[in-house]
Structure formats: C-alpha cells, structure tokens
Amino acid sequence: MSGQMTSDKDKTTVGRLKSRPQFLAVRAGESRKGPLFLLEVLDRNDPESEARVGFTVTKKHGNAVERNRMRRRLKEAVRLSAGFAMKPGHDYVIVARRDLLNAPFDALIRALRDRIENKPKQKRPSAGSRKP
C-alpha cells in the first residue's frame, strides 16, 4: 500500500524543515494569514530542490495532547492534498491557530490548498487602526 502512495507522488515529494535556523529563515519571507493557521513562505531561488515544510504549534494553544493533535492534522492535510501545490525550491512553515483543533478536516484541506496556491489579498487596515 505504501508503495502505491510513493509512486503516485514521486514528483511532489515534500521535505521537512527541522532546525531552528531553517524556521527562522522562513520568517523573512511572505506571510499568508488565515483563521486556522498562518502560512509563511520563502522562495529559496533553487527550483531544482524539493519543497520543504515545517509545522509550529505554540504552547498557548493547549496542552501537549492538543498540540500534537493539531500537528498531526496539519501533516496529514499536507500529505493528502497540499503537497502537489507546493512549489519546488520553496520553504513553508505552517503556524497553527487554536481553531484548527475543531475545524472539519475538509475545511482544513481547502484552506491549506487555497493559502498555498493563492497569494494574499491586498491588506486592508483593521477597524481599530484608524487615526484621526
């Protein structure tokens, strides 16, 4: 069974970000905000290398069991559907938000795919930032 999955996805393999300097480097890239997660994207200008992804779930989002559950949901969503949308030579860091824990899995997959494929819309000032 695992042989089938890897043969179908040979072109869309996604590597992992593992070290702190790799995660910090991605912060210099583009941020795409959403209700379930924040997606940070960095173009490494190396189209020959595979896309890499990292996952961040901070302690403010719950205990270890809840944080691990959020991380597992994100990993599975990337594995099932978002890996094909990730561009080679790019690094992606997905920073989970609390709402991710109770969101339907289909909504998570859709949101992840949309954030990866689409650049963020024009930023609008928030209602509280108006200055006289």
Protein backbone atom coordinates (compact mmCIF):
# COMPACT_ATOMS: atom_id res chain seq x y z
CA MET A 1 0.00 0.00 0.00
CA SER A 2 2.75 2.48 0.83
CA GLY A 3 4.41 1.65 -2.49
CA GLN A 4 1.38 2.99 -4.30
CA MET A 5 1.39 6.29 -2.45
CA THR A 6 5.05 6.98 -3.11
CA SER A 7 4.86 6.03 -6.79
CA ASP A 8 1.98 8.47 -7.38
CA LYS A 9 3.74 11.27 -5.53
CA ASP A 10 7.32 10.91 -6.76
CA LYS A 11 7.22 14.34 -8.39
CA THR A 12 5.60 16.04 -5.40
CA THR A 13 7.81 14.94 -2.55
CA VAL A 14 7.94 17.40 0.29
CA GLY A 15 10.93 17.64 2.57
CA ARG A 16 10.90 18.74 6.21
CA LEU A 17 12.29 21.76 7.97
CA LYS A 18 13.84 20.54 11.20
CA SER A 19 16.29 23.05 12.64
CA ARG A 20 15.57 26.40 14.26
CA PRO A 21 17.69 28.39 11.74
CA GLN A 22 15.62 26.94 8.89
CA PHE A 23 12.38 28.02 10.59
CA LEU A 24 13.76 31.49 11.34
CA ALA A 25 14.89 31.96 7.74
CA VAL A 26 11.33 31.39 6.50
CA ARG A 27 10.08 34.23 8.72
CA ALA A 28 11.85 36.65 6.38
CA GLY A 29 9.54 35.53 3.57
CA GLU A 30 5.88 36.18 2.88
CA SER A 31 3.07 35.66 5.45
CA ARG A 32 -0.38 34.45 4.43
CA LYS A 33 -2.83 34.74 7.30
CA GLY A 34 -5.99 32.70 7.79
CA PRO A 35 -8.42 31.71 10.52
CA LEU A 36 -6.98 28.20 11.00
CA PHE A 37 -3.26 28.86 10.54
CA LEU A 38 -0.61 31.29 9.37
CA LEU A 39 1.41 30.19 6.36
CA GLU A 40 4.92 31.58 5.94
CA VAL A 41 6.55 31.10 2.53
CA LEU A 42 10.15 31.64 1.49
CA ASP A 43 11.47 31.27 -2.07
CA ARG A 44 14.98 29.82 -1.80
CA ASN A 45 15.66 30.58 -5.51
CA ASP A 46 16.57 26.93 -6.07
CA PRO A 47 13.91 25.44 -8.39
CA GLU A 48 15.81 22.15 -8.61
CA SER A 49 15.34 21.31 -4.91
CA GLU A 50 12.17 19.93 -3.36
CA ALA A 51 9.71 22.00 -1.37
CA ARG A 52 10.16 21.77 2.40
CA VAL A 53 7.56 22.21 5.10
CA GLY A 54 7.68 22.76 8.85
CA PHE A 55 4.94 22.85 11.48
CA THR A 56 4.70 25.10 14.53
CA VAL A 57 2.16 24.78 17.34
CA THR A 58 2.88 27.02 20.32
CA LYS A 59 2.17 26.22 23.96
CA LYS A 60 -0.51 28.89 24.18
CA HIS A 61 -2.77 26.64 22.07
CA GLY A 62 -3.22 23.91 24.63
CA ASN A 63 -1.57 21.01 26.36
CA ALA A 64 0.76 18.53 24.65
CA VAL A 65 -2.06 16.21 23.60
CA GLU A 66 -3.94 19.03 21.84
CA ARG A 67 -0.80 20.45 20.23
CA ASN A 68 0.21 17.03 18.90
CA ARG A 69 -3.29 16.50 17.53
CA MET A 70 -3.11 19.84 15.69
CA ARG A 71 0.31 18.95 14.29
CA ARG A 72 -0.88 15.51 13.13
CA ARG A 73 -3.90 17.05 11.40
CA LEU A 74 -1.67 19.52 9.56
CA LYS A 75 0.79 16.82 8.50
CA GLU A 76 -1.99 14.64 7.15
CA ALA A 77 -3.57 17.54 5.24
CA VAL A 78 -0.22 18.29 3.59
CA ARG A 79 0.36 14.63 2.83
CA LEU A 80 -3.07 14.09 1.29
CA SER A 81 -3.59 17.16 -0.82
CA ALA A 82 -1.35 20.16 -0.36
CA GLY A 83 1.98 18.63 -1.35
CA PHE A 84 1.17 18.95 -5.04
CA ALA A 85 0.59 22.71 -4.72
CA MET A 86 3.91 23.40 -3.00
CA LYS A 87 6.42 24.85 -5.43
CA PRO A 88 9.89 23.32 -5.69
CA GLY A 89 12.57 25.47 -4.10
CA HIS A 90 10.19 26.99 -1.56
CA ASP A 91 10.04 26.58 2.21
CA TYR A 92 6.69 26.61 4.02
CA VAL A 93 6.07 26.98 7.75
CA ILE A 94 2.52 26.38 8.96
CA VAL A 95 1.80 28.03 12.31
CA ALA A 96 -1.36 26.53 13.81
CA ARG A 97 -4.13 28.53 15.45
CA ARG A 98 -6.47 27.22 18.14
CA ASP A 99 -9.48 26.92 15.78
CA LEU A 100 -7.60 24.24 13.84
CA LEU A 101 -8.37 21.72 16.58
CA ASN A 102 -12.15 21.71 15.99
CA ALA A 103 -12.33 22.62 12.30
CA PRO A 104 -13.70 19.99 9.89
CA PHE A 105 -10.87 18.20 8.12
CA ASP A 106 -12.27 19.06 4.66
CA ALA A 107 -12.23 22.76 5.59
CA LEU A 108 -8.63 22.42 6.75
CA ILE A 109 -7.57 20.83 3.45
CA ARG A 110 -9.39 23.51 1.43
CA ALA A 111 -7.88 26.36 3.48
CA LEU A 112 -4.39 24.90 3.20
CA ARG A 113 -4.64 24.42 -0.55
CA ASP A 114 -6.02 27.96 -1.02
CA ARG A 115 -3.28 29.55 1.10
CA ILE A 116 -0.53 27.69 -0.75
CA GLU A 117 -1.85 28.39 -4.25
CA ASN A 118 -3.04 31.97 -3.80
CA LYS A 119 -1.02 34.97 -2.86
CA PRO A 120 -2.57 37.06 -0.07
CA LYS A 121 -5.09 39.71 -1.00
CA GLN A 122 -4.36 43.40 -0.58
CA LYS A 123 -4.08 44.29 3.08
CA ARG A 124 -6.81 46.48 4.50
CA PRO A 125 -6.30 48.44 7.67
CA SER A 126 -8.16 46.94 10.59
CA ALA A 127 -11.10 48.84 12.05
CA GLY A 128 -9.16 49.71 15.21
CA SER A 129 -6.19 51.26 13.41
CA ARG A 130 -7.86 54.42 12.15
CA LYS A 131 -6.11 57.56 13.19
CA PRO A 132 -7.82 60.98 13.18
